[in-house]
């Protein structure tokens, strides 16, 4: 099985932050804090550490706490999600702390949440569920294995794309249906229901531990808060990065690993555009994987090439 070892990004190494000041929270749920402005408005939530090794979101929340930020309308929740996995973080093998028993970002279906199975991730998800049921709009901060450009994962609903447009960044908006092996938090309940007024976006801020991902996560947080008028423009302005026009990439196919002998034909990083249909990009056992159409975009090629998991998504520009 071809799995690349953890590699330090060229820009250095983004160390975890000390989360002990935020452990108690104020909601009765450890590591979850909610502020109520006292004025009418939506309940916003920014989530970090959905995966225990993706520390850029924790840096963004740490920044918001230290800035003394409070919503000027509605409510704002800052939550550190998979704390148990993050507690095992080892800079020598950071990906090992992605989760403990199962991926926290694949458990958000009623079948999993209401089922008889109990894992450490499900315990935490069930503890967070009542709070998330009262959230109107969610920003879920992630990072990636490779130095791909930052991405906004919008889901398949028009409201998801509309939320990404309101943020104005990152430059690439990905319309995708998720994974075969479970439901993401972004798609949980009303967030993924086209008829609901709730919305959510997952932002991939860059490579794990790349210091640049911290700035992207902070930028995304302020853009999210500005989109719902939870902070004023002057507060957000110093932390906003330059933007380029957004492009929408619609995922048409997801390549699922079938064998333990999967390998890419080269070291794809993500968002490469393959000009010609039929170009081989991977081998799975004895089967060659080809691009299905011209100008095919390779979205988030994975280094975790295990049977049943998504190896890469094929997409096309649709804007």
C-alpha atoms as a PDB file:
ATOM      1  CA  UNK A   1       0.000   0.000   0.000  1.00  0.00           C
ATOM      2  CA  UNK A   2       1.526   3.318  -1.067  1.00  0.00           C
ATOM      3  CA  UNK A   3       1.228   5.768   1.814  1.00  0.00           C
ATOM      4  CA  UNK A   4       3.617   8.690   1.985  1.00  0.00           C
ATOM      5  CA  UNK A   5       5.161   9.477   5.366  1.00  0.00           C
ATOM      6  CA  UNK A   6       4.425  12.731   7.124  1.00  0.00           C
ATOM      7  CA  UNK A   7       6.470  15.485   5.515  1.00  0.00           C
ATOM      8  CA  UNK A   8       7.327  18.841   6.996  1.00  0.00           C
ATOM      9  CA  UNK A   9       6.001  21.680   4.829  1.00  0.00           C
ATOM     10  CA  UNK A  10       8.580  23.898   3.186  1.00  0.00           C
ATOM     11  CA  UNK A  11       7.467  26.935   5.200  1.00  0.00           C
ATOM     12  CA  UNK A  12       8.273  25.389   8.567  1.00  0.00           C
ATOM     13  CA  UNK A  13       6.124  23.679  11.183  1.00  0.00           C
ATOM     14  CA  UNK A  14       2.945  24.979  12.821  1.00  0.00           C
ATOM     15  CA  UNK A  15       3.020  23.730  16.407  1.00  0.00           C
ATOM     16  CA  UNK A  16      -0.165  23.115  18.416  1.00  0.00           C
ATOM     17  CA  UNK A  17      -1.407  25.812  20.772  1.00  0.00           C
ATOM     18  CA  UNK A  18      -2.051  25.468  24.495  1.00  0.00           C
ATOM     19  CA  UNK A  19      -5.776  24.794  24.792  1.00  0.00           C
ATOM     20  CA  UNK A  20      -5.891  24.454  28.577  1.00  0.00           C
ATOM     21  CA  UNK A  21      -7.350  27.984  29.061  1.00  0.00           C
ATOM     22  CA  UNK A  22     -10.397  26.900  27.049  1.00  0.00           C
ATOM     23  CA  UNK A  23     -11.010  23.499  28.638  1.00  0.00           C
ATOM     24  CA  UNK A  24     -13.850  24.518  30.964  1.00  0.00           C
ATOM     25  CA  UNK A  25     -15.810  26.520  28.393  1.00  0.00           C
ATOM     26  CA  UNK A  26     -19.104  27.959  29.578  1.00  0.00           C
ATOM     27  CA  UNK A  27     -21.696  25.615  28.066  1.00  0.00           C
ATOM     28  CA  UNK A  28     -21.317  22.517  30.223  1.00  0.00           C
ATOM     29  CA  UNK A  29     -19.484  20.878  27.319  1.00  0.00           C
ATOM     30  CA  UNK A  30     -15.685  20.842  27.720  1.00  0.00           C
ATOM     31  CA  UNK A  31     -13.782  23.039  25.268  1.00  0.00           C
ATOM     32  CA  UNK A  32     -16.967  24.769  24.030  1.00  0.00           C
ATOM     33  CA  UNK A  33     -17.677  28.452  24.661  1.00  0.00           C
ATOM     34  CA  UNK A  34     -20.740  30.446  23.604  1.00  0.00           C
ATOM     35  CA  UNK A  35     -21.216  34.206  23.812  1.00  0.00           C
ATOM     36  CA  UNK A  36     -24.644  35.811  23.522  1.00  0.00           C
ATOM     37  CA  UNK A  37     -24.724  39.420  22.324  1.00  0.00           C
ATOM     38  CA  UNK A  38     -28.166  39.997  23.809  1.00  0.00           C
ATOM     39  CA  UNK A  39     -29.326  41.203  20.397  1.00  0.00           C
ATOM     40  CA  UNK A  40     -31.355  39.291  17.861  1.00  0.00           C
ATOM     41  CA  UNK A  41     -29.340  37.427  15.261  1.00  0.00           C
ATOM     42  CA  UNK A  42     -28.214  33.968  14.134  1.00  0.00           C
ATOM     43  CA  UNK A  43     -26.277  31.477  16.200  1.00  0.00           C
ATOM     44  CA  UNK A  44     -22.882  31.079  14.522  1.00  0.00           C
ATOM     45  CA  UNK A  45     -20.333  28.393  15.314  1.00  0.00           C
ATOM     46  CA  UNK A  46     -16.680  27.987  14.346  1.00  0.00           C
ATOM     47  CA  UNK A  47     -15.297  24.502  14.894  1.00  0.00           C
ATOM     48  CA  UNK A  48     -11.639  23.470  15.079  1.00  0.00           C
ATOM     49  CA  UNK A  49      -9.898  20.109  15.480  1.00  0.00           C
ATOM     50  CA  UNK A  50     -12.559  18.018  13.803  1.00  0.00           C
ATOM     51  CA  UNK A  51      -9.410  16.052  13.070  1.00  0.00           C
ATOM     52  CA  UNK A  52      -6.961  16.070  15.948  1.00  0.00           C
ATOM     53  CA  UNK A  53      -3.894  16.817  13.822  1.00  0.00           C
ATOM     54  CA  UNK A  54      -5.354  19.803  11.915  1.00  0.00           C
ATOM     55  CA  UNK A  55      -4.117  22.561  14.180  1.00  0.00           C
ATOM     56  CA  UNK A  56      -4.684  25.673  12.062  1.00  0.00           C
ATOM     57  CA  UNK A  57      -8.293  25.941  13.237  1.00  0.00           C
ATOM     58  CA  UNK A  58      -7.184  25.775  16.861  1.00  0.00           C
ATOM     59  CA  UNK A  59      -4.837  28.683  16.136  1.00  0.00           C
ATOM     60  CA  UNK A  60      -7.737  30.672  14.666  1.00  0.00           C
ATOM     61  CA  UNK A  61      -9.942  30.086  17.717  1.00  0.00           C
ATOM     62  CA  UNK A  62      -7.037  30.889  20.027  1.00  0.00           C
ATOM     63  CA  UNK A  63      -6.639  34.166  18.122  1.00  0.00           C
ATOM     64  CA  UNK A  64     -10.343  35.025  18.516  1.00  0.00           C
ATOM     65  CA  UNK A  65     -10.258  34.261  22.238  1.00  0.00           C
ATOM     66  CA  UNK A  66      -7.140  36.357  22.801  1.00  0.00           C
ATOM     67  CA  UNK A  67      -8.587  39.212  20.738  1.00  0.00           C
ATOM     68  CA  UNK A  68     -11.525  39.340  23.152  1.00  0.00           C
ATOM     69  CA  UNK A  69     -13.928  39.078  20.244  1.00  0.00           C
ATOM     70  CA  UNK A  70     -17.639  39.092  21.029  1.00  0.00           C
ATOM     71  CA  UNK A  71     -20.541  38.977  18.538  1.00  0.00           C
ATOM     72  CA  UNK A  72     -22.330  42.262  18.039  1.00  0.00           C
ATOM     73  CA  UNK A  73     -25.547  40.406  17.288  1.00  0.00           C
ATOM     74  CA  UNK A  74     -26.805  36.883  17.802  1.00  0.00           C
ATOM     75  CA  UNK A  75     -24.662  34.220  19.427  1.00  0.00           C
ATOM     76  CA  UNK A  76     -21.198  32.858  18.660  1.00  0.00           C
ATOM     77  CA  UNK A  77     -19.866  29.442  19.660  1.00  0.00           C
ATOM     78  CA  UNK A  78     -16.180  28.495  19.467  1.00  0.00           C
ATOM     79  CA  UNK A  79     -15.623  24.754  19.817  1.00  0.00           C
ATOM     80  CA  UNK A  80     -12.625  22.451  19.801  1.00  0.00           C
ATOM     81  CA  UNK A  81     -14.022  19.149  18.547  1.00  0.00           C
ATOM     82  CA  UNK A  82     -11.897  15.990  18.770  1.00  0.00           C
ATOM     83  CA  UNK A  83      -9.912  16.961  21.838  1.00  0.00           C
ATOM     84  CA  UNK A  84      -9.135  13.358  22.792  1.00  0.00           C
ATOM     85  CA  UNK A  85      -7.392  12.719  19.488  1.00  0.00           C
ATOM     86  CA  UNK A  86      -5.596  16.043  19.631  1.00  0.00           C
ATOM     87  CA  UNK A  87      -4.242  15.149  23.082  1.00  0.00           C
ATOM     88  CA  UNK A  88      -2.213  12.368  21.425  1.00  0.00           C
ATOM     89  CA  UNK A  89      -0.529  14.791  19.002  1.00  0.00           C
ATOM     90  CA  UNK A  90       3.101  13.856  18.334  1.00  0.00           C
ATOM     91  CA  UNK A  91       5.080  16.187  16.038  1.00  0.00           C
ATOM     92  CA  UNK A  92       7.085  13.205  14.799  1.00  0.00           C
ATOM     93  CA  UNK A  93       3.916  11.503  13.477  1.00  0.00           C
ATOM     94  CA  UNK A  94       1.142  14.110  13.555  1.00  0.00           C
ATOM     95  CA  UNK A  95      -1.251  12.254  11.241  1.00  0.00           C
ATOM     96  CA  UNK A  96      -1.508   9.486  13.864  1.00  0.00           C
ATOM     97  CA  UNK A  97      -3.641  11.878  15.938  1.00  0.00           C
ATOM     98  CA  UNK A  98      -6.217  12.421  13.190  1.00  0.00           C
ATOM     99  CA  UNK A  99      -8.696  10.354  15.230  1.00  0.00           C
ATOM    100  CA  UNK A 100      -8.713   7.608  17.866  1.00  0.00           C
ATOM    101  CA  UNK A 101     -11.356   5.032  16.887  1.00  0.00           C
ATOM    102  CA  UNK A 102     -13.005   6.420  13.755  1.00  0.00           C
ATOM    103  CA  UNK A 103     -13.096   9.580  11.706  1.00  0.00           C
ATOM    104  CA  UNK A 104     -15.035  12.237  13.651  1.00  0.00           C
ATOM    105  CA  UNK A 105     -16.099  13.750  10.323  1.00  0.00           C
ATOM    106  CA  UNK A 106     -17.875  10.595   9.135  1.00  0.00           C
ATOM    107  CA  UNK A 107     -20.288   9.985  12.042  1.00  0.00           C
ATOM    108  CA  UNK A 108     -22.938  12.640  11.385  1.00  0.00           C
ATOM    109  CA  UNK A 109     -25.807  10.457  10.216  1.00  0.00           C
ATOM    110  CA  UNK A 110     -28.799   9.483  12.408  1.00  0.00           C
ATOM    111  CA  UNK A 111     -27.799   5.831  11.974  1.00  0.00           C
ATOM    112  CA  UNK A 112     -24.419   6.497  13.587  1.00  0.00           C
ATOM    113  CA  UNK A 113     -25.471   9.046  16.185  1.00  0.00           C
ATOM    114  CA  UNK A 114     -28.519   7.058  17.321  1.00  0.00           C
ATOM    115  CA  UNK A 115     -26.949   3.621  16.918  1.00  0.00           C
ATOM    116  CA  UNK A 116     -25.771   1.121  19.507  1.00  0.00           C
ATOM    117  CA  UNK A 117     -22.066   1.395  18.677  1.00  0.00           C
ATOM    118  CA  UNK A 118     -19.985   3.612  20.941  1.00  0.00           C
ATOM    119  CA  UNK A 119     -16.579   4.976  20.006  1.00  0.00           C
ATOM    120  CA  UNK A 120     -14.684   7.881  21.500  1.00  0.00           C
ATOM    121  CA  UNK A 121     -15.522   9.985  18.462  1.00  0.00           C
ATOM    122  CA  UNK A 122     -19.212   9.137  18.716  1.00  0.00           C
ATOM    123  CA  UNK A 123     -19.212  10.006  22.413  1.00  0.00           C
ATOM    124  CA  UNK A 124     -17.884  13.459  21.604  1.00  0.00           C
ATOM    125  CA  UNK A 125     -20.265  13.887  18.655  1.00  0.00           C
ATOM    126  CA  UNK A 126     -23.233  12.970  20.825  1.00  0.00           C
ATOM    127  CA  UNK A 127     -22.103  15.469  23.465  1.00  0.00           C
ATOM    128  CA  UNK A 128     -21.862  18.240  20.850  1.00  0.00           C
ATOM    129  CA  UNK A 129     -25.062  17.311  19.033  1.00  0.00           C
ATOM    130  CA  UNK A 130     -27.584  19.265  21.184  1.00  0.00           C
ATOM    131  CA  UNK A 131     -25.526  22.436  20.777  1.00  0.00           C
ATOM    132  CA  UNK A 132     -25.060  21.944  17.040  1.00  0.00           C
ATOM    133  CA  UNK A 133     -28.795  21.400  16.660  1.00  0.00           C
ATOM    134  CA  UNK A 134     -29.185  25.025  17.775  1.00  0.00           C
ATOM    135  CA  UNK A 135     -26.536  26.456  15.428  1.00  0.00           C
ATOM    136  CA  UNK A 136     -27.772  28.322  12.358  1.00  0.00           C
ATOM    137  CA  UNK A 137     -24.511  28.657  10.429  1.00  0.00           C
ATOM    138  CA  UNK A 138     -21.281  26.674  10.823  1.00  0.00           C
ATOM    139  CA  UNK A 139     -17.669  27.155   9.749  1.00  0.00           C
ATOM    140  CA  UNK A 140     -15.627  23.944  10.076  1.00  0.00           C
ATOM    141  CA  UNK A 141     -11.866  24.588   9.823  1.00  0.00           C
ATOM    142  CA  UNK A 142      -9.636  21.860   8.371  1.00  0.00           C
ATOM    143  CA  UNK A 143      -6.271  21.373   6.683  1.00  0.00           C
ATOM    144  CA  UNK A 144      -4.911  18.948   4.093  1.00  0.00           C
ATOM    145  CA  UNK A 145      -2.130  16.416   3.600  1.00  0.00           C
ATOM    146  CA  UNK A 146      -0.555  18.163   0.632  1.00  0.00           C
ATOM    147  CA  UNK A 147       0.321  21.797  -0.159  1.00  0.00           C
ATOM    148  CA  UNK A 148      -2.827  22.228  -2.212  1.00  0.00           C
ATOM    149  CA  UNK A 149      -4.391  25.685  -2.520  1.00  0.00           C
ATOM    150  CA  UNK A 150      -7.023  26.374   0.162  1.00  0.00           C
ATOM    151  CA  UNK A 151     -10.499  25.089  -0.675  1.00  0.00           C
ATOM    152  CA  UNK A 152     -14.062  25.811   0.419  1.00  0.00           C
ATOM    153  CA  UNK A 153     -16.139  22.617   0.390  1.00  0.00           C
ATOM    154  CA  UNK A 154     -19.702  23.749  -0.235  1.00  0.00           C
ATOM    155  CA  UNK A 155     -21.648  20.495  -0.408  1.00  0.00           C
ATOM    156  CA  UNK A 156     -24.201  20.038  -3.163  1.00  0.00           C
ATOM    157  CA  UNK A 157     -26.809  22.624  -2.214  1.00  0.00           C
ATOM    158  CA  UNK A 158     -27.088  26.099  -3.752  1.00  0.00           C
ATOM    159  CA  UNK A 159     -27.057  27.576  -0.236  1.00  0.00           C
ATOM    160  CA  UNK A 160     -23.624  26.040   0.347  1.00  0.00           C
ATOM    161  CA  UNK A 161     -22.205  27.750  -2.718  1.00  0.00           C
ATOM    162  CA  UNK A 162     -23.979  30.972  -1.740  1.00  0.00           C
ATOM    163  CA  UNK A 163     -22.290  30.901   1.679  1.00  0.00           C
ATOM    164  CA  UNK A 164     -18.890  30.430   0.047  1.00  0.00           C
ATOM    165  CA  UNK A 165     -19.636  33.380  -2.223  1.00  0.00           C
ATOM    166  CA  UNK A 166     -20.514  35.496   0.810  1.00  0.00           C
ATOM    167  CA  UNK A 167     -17.148  34.671   2.335  1.00  0.00           C
ATOM    168  CA  UNK A 168     -15.371  35.554  -0.922  1.00  0.00           C
ATOM    169  CA  UNK A 169     -12.494  33.174  -0.209  1.00  0.00           C
ATOM    170  CA  UNK A 170     -10.851  30.727  -0.678  1.00  0.00           C
ATOM    171  CA  UNK A 171     -10.521  31.023  -4.419  1.00  0.00           C
ATOM    172  CA  UNK A 172     -11.657  27.459  -5.141  1.00  0.00           C
ATOM    173  CA  UNK A 173     -15.216  26.443  -4.201  1.00  0.00           C
ATOM    174  CA  UNK A 174     -15.763  22.691  -4.393  1.00  0.00           C
ATOM    175  CA  UNK A 175     -19.271  21.335  -4.965  1.00  0.00           C
ATOM    176  CA  UNK A 176     -19.162  17.746  -3.743  1.00  0.00           C
ATOM    177  CA  UNK A 177     -21.313  15.102  -2.105  1.00  0.00           C
ATOM    178  CA  UNK A 178     -18.817  13.962   0.517  1.00  0.00           C
ATOM    179  CA  UNK A 179     -17.440  10.496   1.189  1.00  0.00           C
ATOM    180  CA  UNK A 180     -18.699   6.958   0.722  1.00  0.00           C
ATOM    181  CA  UNK A 181     -17.675   5.996   4.264  1.00  0.00           C
ATOM    182  CA  UNK A 182     -19.808   8.416   6.271  1.00  0.00           C
ATOM    183  CA  UNK A 183     -21.554  11.783   6.631  1.00  0.00           C
ATOM    184  CA  UNK A 184     -19.545  14.932   7.311  1.00  0.00           C
ATOM    185  CA  UNK A 185     -20.556  17.497   9.914  1.00  0.00           C
ATOM    186  CA  UNK A 186     -20.993  20.022   7.111  1.00  0.00           C
ATOM    187  CA  UNK A 187     -23.912  17.884   5.872  1.00  0.00           C
ATOM    188  CA  UNK A 188     -25.463  17.105   9.261  1.00  0.00           C
ATOM    189  CA  UNK A 189     -29.219  17.626   9.611  1.00  0.00           C
ATOM    190  CA  UNK A 190     -30.299  21.132   8.547  1.00  0.00           C
ATOM    191  CA  UNK A 191     -26.839  22.057   7.279  1.00  0.00           C
ATOM    192  CA  UNK A 192     -27.233  19.649   4.384  1.00  0.00           C
ATOM    193  CA  UNK A 193     -30.990  19.994   3.903  1.00  0.00           C
ATOM    194  CA  UNK A 194     -31.750  22.219   0.879  1.00  0.00           C
ATOM    195  CA  UNK A 195     -35.063  23.244   2.460  1.00  0.00           C
ATOM    196  CA  UNK A 196     -33.477  24.416   5.728  1.00  0.00           C
ATOM    197  CA  UNK A 197     -32.299  27.974   6.372  1.00  0.00           C
ATOM    198  CA  UNK A 198     -29.208  26.602   8.102  1.00  0.00           C
ATOM    199  CA  UNK A 199     -25.888  26.472   6.272  1.00  0.00           C
ATOM    200  CA  UNK A 200     -22.346  25.212   6.726  1.00  0.00           C
ATOM    201  CA  UNK A 201     -19.023  25.341   4.951  1.00  0.00           C
ATOM    202  CA  UNK A 202     -15.854  23.322   5.444  1.00  0.00           C
ATOM    203  CA  UNK A 203     -12.677  25.270   4.669  1.00  0.00           C
ATOM    204  CA  UNK A 204      -9.459  23.392   3.941  1.00  0.00           C
ATOM    205  CA  UNK A 205      -6.849  25.977   4.922  1.00  0.00           C
ATOM    206  CA  UNK A 206      -3.711  24.441   3.411  1.00  0.00           C
ATOM    207  CA  UNK A 207      -1.251  21.740   4.365  1.00  0.00           C
ATOM    208  CA  UNK A 208      -1.182  20.330   7.895  1.00  0.00           C
ATOM    209  CA  UNK A 209       1.314  22.202  10.077  1.00  0.00           C
ATOM    210  CA  UNK A 210       2.125  24.759   7.374  1.00  0.00           C
ATOM    211  CA  UNK A 211       2.287  28.162   9.126  1.00  0.00           C
ATOM    212  CA  UNK A 212       0.432  29.715   6.185  1.00  0.00           C
ATOM    213  CA  UNK A 213      -2.655  27.661   7.104  1.00  0.00           C
ATOM    214  CA  UNK A 214      -3.017  29.677  10.323  1.00  0.00           C
ATOM    215  CA  UNK A 215      -3.476  32.918   8.376  1.00  0.00           C
ATOM    216  CA  UNK A 216      -6.017  31.243   6.079  1.00  0.00           C
ATOM    217  CA  UNK A 217      -8.001  29.932   9.058  1.00  0.00           C
ATOM    218  CA  UNK A 218      -8.065  33.360  10.720  1.00  0.00           C
ATOM    219  CA  UNK A 219      -9.069  34.989   7.436  1.00  0.00           C
ATOM    220  CA  UNK A 220     -11.896  32.481   6.935  1.00  0.00           C
ATOM    221  CA  UNK A 221     -13.124  33.052  10.489  1.00  0.00           C
ATOM    222  CA  UNK A 222     -13.397  36.805  10.092  1.00  0.00           C
ATOM    223  CA  UNK A 223     -15.029  36.450   6.672  1.00  0.00           C
ATOM    224  CA  UNK A 224     -17.595  34.085   8.182  1.00  0.00           C
ATOM    225  CA  UNK A 225     -18.317  36.494  11.029  1.00  0.00           C
ATOM    226  CA  UNK A 226     -18.577  39.432   8.620  1.00  0.00           C
ATOM    227  CA  UNK A 227     -20.980  37.496   6.377  1.00  0.00           C
ATOM    228  CA  UNK A 228     -23.520  37.523   9.232  1.00  0.00           C
ATOM    229  CA  UNK A 229     -22.602  40.936  10.626  1.00  0.00           C
ATOM    230  CA  UNK A 230     -21.256  39.428  13.851  1.00  0.00           C
ATOM    231  CA  UNK A 231     -18.212  41.748  13.684  1.00  0.00           C
ATOM    232  CA  UNK A 232     -17.728  45.096  12.001  1.00  0.00           C
ATOM    233  CA  UNK A 233     -15.521  45.703   8.982  1.00  0.00           C
ATOM    234  CA  UNK A 234     -12.855  47.555  10.950  1.00  0.00           C
ATOM    235  CA  UNK A 235     -12.377  44.610  13.321  1.00  0.00           C
ATOM    236  CA  UNK A 236     -11.995  42.111  10.496  1.00  0.00           C
ATOM    237  CA  UNK A 237      -9.934  44.190   8.051  1.00  0.00           C
ATOM    238  CA  UNK A 238      -6.427  43.683   9.528  1.00  0.00           C
ATOM    239  CA  UNK A 239      -6.786  39.905   9.302  1.00  0.00           C
ATOM    240  CA  UNK A 240      -8.186  39.545   5.787  1.00  0.00           C
ATOM    241  CA  UNK A 241      -5.915  38.243   3.057  1.00  0.00           C
ATOM    242  CA  UNK A 242      -5.874  39.358  -0.566  1.00  0.00           C
ATOM    243  CA  UNK A 243      -8.372  37.526  -2.744  1.00  0.00           C
ATOM    244  CA  UNK A 244      -8.624  36.331  -6.309  1.00  0.00           C
ATOM    245  CA  UNK A 245     -11.934  35.666  -8.112  1.00  0.00           C
ATOM    246  CA  UNK A 246     -13.544  32.461  -6.916  1.00  0.00           C
ATOM    247  CA  UNK A 247     -13.910  29.475  -9.239  1.00  0.00           C
ATOM    248  CA  UNK A 248     -16.462  26.724  -8.713  1.00  0.00           C
ATOM    249  CA  UNK A 249     -15.360  23.142  -9.301  1.00  0.00           C
ATOM    250  CA  UNK A 250     -18.128  20.542  -9.362  1.00  0.00           C
ATOM    251  CA  UNK A 251     -17.042  17.039  -8.410  1.00  0.00           C
ATOM    252  CA  UNK A 252     -18.459  14.461 -10.793  1.00  0.00           C
ATOM    253  CA  UNK A 253     -16.710  11.292  -9.629  1.00  0.00           C
ATOM    254  CA  UNK A 254     -14.933  10.082  -6.522  1.00  0.00           C
ATOM    255  CA  UNK A 255     -12.288   7.395  -6.887  1.00  0.00           C
ATOM    256  CA  UNK A 256     -12.591   4.898  -4.026  1.00  0.00           C
ATOM    257  CA  UNK A 257      -9.599   2.695  -3.238  1.00  0.00           C
ATOM    258  CA  UNK A 258     -10.416  -0.966  -3.878  1.00  0.00           C
ATOM    259  CA  UNK A 259      -7.142  -2.784  -3.178  1.00  0.00           C
ATOM    260  CA  UNK A 260      -4.118  -2.528  -0.917  1.00  0.00           C
ATOM    261  CA  UNK A 261      -1.982  -1.862  -3.988  1.00  0.00           C
ATOM    262  CA  UNK A 262      -3.188   1.600  -4.969  1.00  0.00           C
ATOM    263  CA  UNK A 263      -0.707   4.168  -6.236  1.00  0.00           C
ATOM    264  CA  UNK A 264      -0.796   7.424  -8.170  1.00  0.00           C
ATOM    265  CA  UNK A 265       1.241   7.690 -11.344  1.00  0.00           C
ATOM    266  CA  UNK A 266       2.882  10.802  -9.897  1.00  0.00           C
ATOM    267  CA  UNK A 267       2.830  12.817  -6.678  1.00  0.00           C
ATOM    268  CA  UNK A 268      -0.292  14.907  -7.243  1.00  0.00           C
ATOM    269  CA  UNK A 269      -0.783  17.747  -4.749  1.00  0.00           C
ATOM    270  CA  UNK A 270      -4.303  18.862  -5.654  1.00  0.00           C
ATOM    271  CA  UNK A 271      -6.116  21.157  -8.103  1.00  0.00           C
ATOM    272  CA  UNK A 272      -4.006  20.009 -11.034  1.00  0.00           C
ATOM    273  CA  UNK A 273      -5.924  20.299 -14.312  1.00  0.00           C
ATOM    274  CA  UNK A 274      -5.344  17.288 -16.578  1.00  0.00           C
ATOM    275  CA  UNK A 275      -5.904  18.484 -20.147  1.00  0.00           C
ATOM    276  CA  UNK A 276      -6.880  15.250 -21.898  1.00  0.00           C
ATOM    277  CA  UNK A 277      -9.564  12.684 -21.138  1.00  0.00           C
ATOM    278  CA  UNK A 278      -8.263   9.149 -20.660  1.00  0.00           C
ATOM    279  CA  UNK A 279      -5.029  10.194 -18.984  1.00  0.00           C
ATOM    280  CA  UNK A 280      -3.941   7.529 -16.441  1.00  0.00           C
ATOM    281  CA  UNK A 281      -3.495   9.082 -13.006  1.00  0.00           C
ATOM    282  CA  UNK A 282      -3.420   6.006 -10.745  1.00  0.00           C
ATOM    283  CA  UNK A 283      -3.249   2.211 -10.598  1.00  0.00           C
ATOM    284  CA  UNK A 284      -5.487   0.232  -8.225  1.00  0.00           C
ATOM    285  CA  UNK A 285      -4.242  -3.341  -8.202  1.00  0.00           C
ATOM    286  CA  UNK A 286      -4.280  -4.224 -11.886  1.00  0.00           C
ATOM    287  CA  UNK A 287      -6.797  -1.533 -12.861  1.00  0.00           C
ATOM    288  CA  UNK A 288      -5.707   1.792 -14.331  1.00  0.00           C
ATOM    289  CA  UNK A 289      -7.655   4.887 -13.252  1.00  0.00           C
ATOM    290  CA  UNK A 290      -8.151   7.429 -16.066  1.00  0.00           C
ATOM    291  CA  UNK A 291      -9.505  10.961 -16.174  1.00  0.00           C
ATOM    292  CA  UNK A 292     -13.089  10.883 -17.503  1.00  0.00           C
ATOM    293  CA  UNK A 293     -13.051  14.129 -19.509  1.00  0.00           C
ATOM    294  CA  UNK A 294     -10.844  16.926 -20.795  1.00  0.00           C
ATOM    295  CA  UNK A 295      -9.626  19.594 -18.359  1.00  0.00           C
ATOM    296  CA  UNK A 296     -10.300  17.345 -15.392  1.00  0.00           C
ATOM    297  CA  UNK A 297      -9.471  18.870 -11.986  1.00  0.00           C
ATOM    298  CA  UNK A 298      -7.904  16.565  -9.395  1.00  0.00           C
ATOM    299  CA  UNK A 299      -9.413  17.503  -6.039  1.00  0.00           C
ATOM    300  CA  UNK A 300      -7.704  16.533  -2.766  1.00  0.00           C
ATOM    301  CA  UNK A 301      -5.645  13.468  -3.737  1.00  0.00           C
ATOM    302  CA  UNK A 302      -5.176  11.436  -0.574  1.00  0.00           C
ATOM    303  CA  UNK A 303      -2.061   9.934   0.931  1.00  0.00           C
ATOM    304  CA  UNK A 304      -4.223   7.606   3.045  1.00  0.00           C
ATOM    305  CA  UNK A 305      -4.761   5.033   0.321  1.00  0.00           C
ATOM    306  CA  UNK A 306      -6.729   2.371   2.179  1.00  0.00           C
ATOM    307  CA  UNK A 307      -9.534   0.241   0.678  1.00  0.00           C
ATOM    308  CA  UNK A 308     -12.899   1.946   1.039  1.00  0.00           C
ATOM    309  CA  UNK A 309     -11.470   5.451   1.324  1.00  0.00           C
ATOM    310  CA  UNK A 310     -11.563   8.223  -1.265  1.00  0.00           C
ATOM    311  CA  UNK A 311      -8.314   8.475  -3.210  1.00  0.00           C
ATOM    312  CA  UNK A 312      -9.154  11.545  -5.294  1.00  0.00           C
ATOM    313  CA  UNK A 313     -12.137  13.360  -6.731  1.00  0.00           C
ATOM    314  CA  UNK A 314     -12.582  14.308 -10.372  1.00  0.00           C
ATOM    315  CA  UNK A 315     -14.116  17.731 -10.988  1.00  0.00           C
ATOM    316  CA  UNK A 316     -14.734  20.302 -13.700  1.00  0.00           C
ATOM    317  CA  UNK A 317     -14.994  24.069 -13.607  1.00  0.00           C
ATOM    318  CA  UNK A 318     -18.701  24.956 -13.713  1.00  0.00           C
ATOM    319  CA  UNK A 319     -18.725  28.738 -13.329  1.00  0.00           C
END
